Amino acid sequence: MRLVLWDIDHTLISTRGMGRELSAIAFQKTTGMPMREQAAIDGITEPVIFRETAALHGLRTNRHDFERFAHELAEQHRLREAELRLRGCSLPGAAAAVGALAGRVDVLQSVVSGNVKAVAQIKLRVFGLDGPIAWDVGAYGEDADERPDLVGLSLARAARYPAETVLVGDTPADVEGAQAHGVRVIAVATGKSSEQQLRDAGAEFVLSDLTDTDSFVRLVAAD
């Protein structure tokens, strides 16, 4: 068996700017302040982004504040699903890659994402990528602040499945999270990180994108 853990943003999909817009709305509804700037987001989990963005505005926040923000963020995604479908996209090869793995009885697919679970589900559903995902064994932004902790939590949730694990992501943070648990990584340079940056981070395999479905599936299945 293979357990494939997908990152979402810039690995499978792009919101083409809508993610920031919806975060800004949720931020203002939660804090009462317009979001003038946003903390770094690439490879970072939602609670850290919220906390550091709040700090940029001179605010101190707690877990309750984050939970309110997460609720608002999910609600904004639900309200604007149709617009997200029009403005965003699944990345080249993503649907074919997910579909090819779905056709194999020896592969279980899930998600390790900095997104909160409700938003992760909406994003993949909007672009038709949610069908094969075993959501119960994934790990999400509300579960932990750091990627290695998310990977570890997903592995614990998937312990009932005797499987070799492969993580697919687009940032050095994805690579770090996988390496912390001895998980094989397939990095795709479809985000802001270059192929060389992903190699330097320690990714075992680096692809420019997911368009070569056969090669991707061979990497997943390799011993």
Protein backbone atom coordinates (compact mmCIF):
# COMPACT_ATOMS: atom_id res chain seq x y z
CA MET A 1 0.00 0.00 0.00
CA ARG A 2 0.93 3.64 -0.55
CA LEU A 3 -0.46 6.53 1.47
CA VAL A 4 -0.20 9.72 -0.60
CA LEU A 5 -0.47 12.94 1.39
CA TRP A 6 -1.25 15.95 -0.78
CA ASP A 7 -0.57 19.58 -0.06
CA ILE A 8 -3.30 21.73 -1.65
CA ASP A 9 -2.35 25.32 -2.50
CA HIS A 10 0.09 25.60 -5.41
CA THR A 11 0.40 21.81 -5.50
CA LEU A 12 -3.10 20.86 -6.68
CA ILE A 13 -4.85 24.21 -7.09
CA SER A 14 -4.41 27.96 -7.34
CA THR A 15 -7.00 30.44 -6.05
CA ARG A 16 -5.38 33.19 -8.16
CA GLY A 17 -5.57 35.73 -5.40
CA MET A 18 -8.96 34.83 -3.97
CA GLY A 19 -7.43 33.18 -0.93
CA ARG A 20 -5.98 36.48 0.25
CA GLU A 21 -9.23 38.32 -0.45
CA LEU A 22 -11.27 35.88 1.60
CA SER A 23 -8.68 35.92 4.39
CA ALA A 24 -8.95 39.72 4.50
CA ILE A 25 -12.72 39.55 4.88
CA ALA A 26 -12.47 36.92 7.62
CA PHE A 27 -9.74 38.92 9.37
CA GLN A 28 -11.84 42.08 9.49
CA LYS A 29 -14.93 40.21 10.67
CA THR A 30 -12.87 38.62 13.45
CA THR A 31 -10.77 41.56 14.61
CA GLY A 32 -12.78 44.59 13.47
CA MET A 33 -9.71 45.89 11.61
CA PRO A 34 -9.04 45.93 7.86
CA MET A 35 -6.18 43.62 6.87
CA ARG A 36 -3.55 46.07 5.60
CA GLU A 37 -0.91 43.38 5.10
CA GLN A 38 -0.57 39.64 5.52
CA ALA A 39 2.19 37.55 7.03
CA ALA A 40 4.12 35.06 4.89
CA ILE A 41 1.87 32.21 3.77
CA ASP A 42 3.92 29.75 1.69
CA GLY A 43 4.10 26.47 3.58
CA ILE A 44 2.72 28.11 6.73
CA THR A 45 -0.33 26.88 8.63
CA GLU A 46 -3.46 28.98 9.01
CA PRO A 47 -3.18 29.60 12.77
CA VAL A 48 0.37 30.91 12.36
CA ILE A 49 -0.62 33.12 9.44
CA PHE A 50 -3.51 34.54 11.46
CA ARG A 51 -1.43 35.11 14.59
CA GLU A 52 1.45 36.76 12.72
CA THR A 53 -0.88 38.86 10.56
CA ALA A 54 -2.64 40.07 13.70
CA ALA A 55 0.74 40.97 15.21
CA LEU A 56 1.52 43.08 12.14
CA HIS A 57 -1.59 45.07 13.07
CA GLY A 58 -0.58 45.41 16.72
CA LEU A 59 -3.03 42.76 17.91
CA ARG A 60 -2.53 39.87 20.31
CA THR A 61 -4.77 36.91 19.64
CA ASN A 62 -5.67 33.64 21.32
CA ARG A 63 -7.09 30.29 20.28
CA HIS A 64 -10.65 31.54 20.53
CA ASP A 65 -9.83 34.36 18.11
CA PHE A 66 -8.34 31.88 15.67
CA GLU A 67 -11.40 29.62 15.89
CA ARG A 68 -13.63 32.60 15.09
CA PHE A 69 -11.37 33.47 12.16
CA ALA A 70 -11.38 29.87 10.89
CA HIS A 71 -15.19 29.81 11.02
CA GLU A 72 -15.42 33.09 9.09
CA LEU A 73 -12.86 31.94 6.55
CA ALA A 74 -14.79 28.74 5.85
CA GLU A 75 -18.01 30.71 5.59
CA GLN A 76 -16.51 33.11 3.03
CA HIS A 77 -15.30 30.16 0.95
CA ARG A 78 -18.78 28.62 1.08
CA LEU A 79 -20.44 31.88 0.05
CA ARG A 80 -18.11 32.38 -2.90
CA GLU A 81 -17.61 28.85 -4.21
CA ALA A 82 -18.95 29.77 -7.64
CA GLU A 83 -16.54 32.70 -7.94
CA LEU A 84 -13.65 30.54 -6.75
CA ARG A 85 -14.47 28.03 -9.48
CA LEU A 86 -14.39 30.78 -12.10
CA ARG A 87 -11.30 32.62 -10.91
CA GLY A 88 -9.19 29.77 -9.56
CA CYS A 89 -8.05 26.57 -11.21
CA SER A 90 -6.72 23.11 -10.65
CA LEU A 91 -3.08 23.09 -11.70
CA PRO A 92 -1.91 21.33 -14.87
CA GLY A 93 -1.94 17.57 -14.42
CA ALA A 94 -3.46 17.66 -10.93
CA ALA A 95 -6.80 16.10 -11.84
CA ALA A 96 -5.12 13.40 -13.93
CA ALA A 97 -2.65 12.59 -11.13
CA VAL A 98 -5.36 12.31 -8.47
CA GLY A 99 -7.53 10.31 -10.85
CA ALA A 100 -4.74 7.92 -11.80
CA LEU A 101 -4.00 7.16 -8.14
CA ALA A 102 -7.72 6.75 -7.45
CA GLY A 103 -7.74 3.95 -9.99
CA ARG A 104 -5.22 1.91 -7.99
CA VAL A 105 -6.32 -0.40 -5.20
CA ASP A 106 -2.91 -0.08 -3.53
CA VAL A 107 -3.09 3.70 -2.98
CA LEU A 108 -4.89 5.72 -0.31
CA GLN A 109 -4.97 9.49 -0.81
CA SER A 110 -5.35 12.15 1.86
CA VAL A 111 -4.30 15.71 2.64
CA VAL A 112 -1.74 17.42 4.86
CA SER A 113 -2.46 21.12 4.56
CA GLY A 114 -2.10 24.36 6.46
CA ASN A 115 -5.69 25.08 5.46
CA VAL A 116 -8.38 24.43 8.03
CA LYS A 117 -10.27 21.27 7.14
CA ALA A 118 -13.50 22.97 6.05
CA VAL A 119 -11.61 25.21 3.61
CA ALA A 120 -9.51 22.30 2.32
CA GLN A 121 -12.68 20.36 1.57
CA ILE A 122 -14.28 23.29 -0.25
CA LYS A 123 -11.18 23.97 -2.35
CA LEU A 124 -10.87 20.40 -3.57
CA ARG A 125 -14.61 20.00 -4.09
CA VAL A 126 -14.81 23.18 -6.18
CA PHE A 127 -12.23 21.78 -8.60
CA GLY A 128 -13.49 18.19 -8.57
CA LEU A 129 -10.50 16.74 -6.72
CA ASP A 130 -12.18 15.67 -3.49
CA GLY A 131 -13.67 12.31 -4.50
CA PRO A 132 -10.75 9.99 -3.68
CA ILE A 133 -9.61 11.85 -0.54
CA ALA A 134 -9.75 9.98 2.78
CA TRP A 135 -10.36 13.05 4.92
CA ASP A 136 -10.27 11.18 8.22
CA VAL A 137 -6.56 10.39 7.93
CA GLY A 138 -5.47 13.87 6.86
CA ALA A 139 -4.20 16.72 9.04
CA TYR A 140 -5.20 20.36 8.79
CA GLY A 141 -4.41 23.86 9.95
CA GLU A 142 -6.50 23.71 13.10
CA ASP A 143 -4.65 20.56 14.22
CA ALA A 144 -1.15 22.02 14.74
CA ASP A 145 1.03 25.03 13.95
CA GLU A 146 3.98 23.24 12.34
CA ARG A 147 4.18 20.99 9.28
CA PRO A 148 6.14 18.19 10.97
CA ASP A 149 3.40 17.94 13.59
CA LEU A 150 0.74 17.75 10.89
CA VAL A 151 2.58 14.96 9.10
CA GLY A 152 3.00 13.07 12.36
CA LEU A 153 -0.67 13.44 13.18
CA SER A 154 -1.69 12.16 9.75
CA LEU A 155 0.58 9.16 10.11
CA ALA A 156 -0.97 8.40 13.49
CA ARG A 157 -4.48 8.67 12.05
CA ALA A 158 -3.50 6.35 9.21
CA ALA A 159 -1.82 3.78 11.47
CA ARG A 160 -4.57 1.24 10.78
CA TYR A 161 -3.43 1.16 7.13
CA PRO A 162 -0.09 -0.65 6.64
CA ALA A 163 1.29 1.71 4.04
CA GLU A 164 4.44 3.36 2.78
CA THR A 165 3.87 7.12 2.77
CA VAL A 166 4.62 9.68 0.07
CA LEU A 167 4.07 13.41 0.57
CA VAL A 168 3.51 15.67 -2.43
CA GLY A 169 4.05 19.40 -1.93
CA ASP A 170 5.52 22.57 -3.39
CA THR A 171 7.47 24.20 -0.55
CA PRO A 172 10.56 23.52 1.54
CA ALA A 173 8.18 23.38 4.53
CA ASP A 174 6.48 20.37 2.95
CA VAL A 175 9.86 18.73 2.52
CA GLU A 176 10.80 19.49 6.12
CA GLY A 177 7.56 18.06 7.43
CA ALA A 178 8.06 14.82 5.54
CA GLN A 179 11.73 14.46 6.46
CA ALA A 180 10.93 14.82 10.16
CA HIS A 181 9.12 11.48 9.92
CA GLY A 182 11.18 9.67 7.30
CA VAL A 183 8.48 10.12 4.68
CA ARG A 184 9.39 10.11 0.99
CA VAL A 185 8.78 13.42 -0.80
CA ILE A 186 7.79 14.27 -4.34
CA ALA A 187 8.19 18.04 -4.68
CA VAL A 188 6.57 19.98 -7.50
CA ALA A 189 7.86 23.41 -8.52
CA THR A 190 4.39 24.81 -9.17
CA GLY A 191 4.53 27.42 -6.40
CA LYS A 192 7.09 30.09 -5.55
CA SER A 193 9.91 27.64 -4.80
CA SER A 194 12.17 26.69 -7.70
CA GLU A 195 13.26 23.15 -8.50
CA GLN A 196 16.71 23.96 -7.13
CA GLN A 197 15.30 25.35 -3.89
CA LEU A 198 13.28 22.19 -3.41
CA ARG A 199 16.34 20.02 -4.07
CA ASP A 200 18.38 22.12 -1.65
CA ALA A 201 15.67 21.55 0.96
CA GLY A 202 16.25 17.81 0.57
CA ALA A 203 13.43 16.65 -1.71
CA GLU A 204 14.21 13.22 -3.14
CA PHE A 205 12.28 13.80 -6.34
CA VAL A 206 11.46 17.15 -7.92
CA LEU A 207 9.05 17.65 -10.80
CA SER A 208 8.38 20.85 -12.71
CA ASP A 209 4.64 20.06 -12.53
CA LEU A 210 2.23 17.10 -12.54
CA THR A 211 1.61 16.91 -16.27
CA ASP A 212 3.52 13.65 -16.82
CA THR A 213 1.02 11.39 -15.09
CA ASP A 214 2.81 8.13 -15.84
CA SER A 215 6.11 9.37 -14.40
CA PHE A 216 4.38 10.69 -11.31
CA VAL A 217 2.57 7.42 -10.67
CA ARG A 218 5.82 5.48 -11.12
CA LEU A 219 7.47 7.67 -8.48
CA VAL A 220 4.61 7.08 -6.06
CA ALA A 221 4.77 3.32 -6.60
CA ALA A 222 8.58 3.05 -6.48
CA ASP A 223 10.21 1.16 -3.63
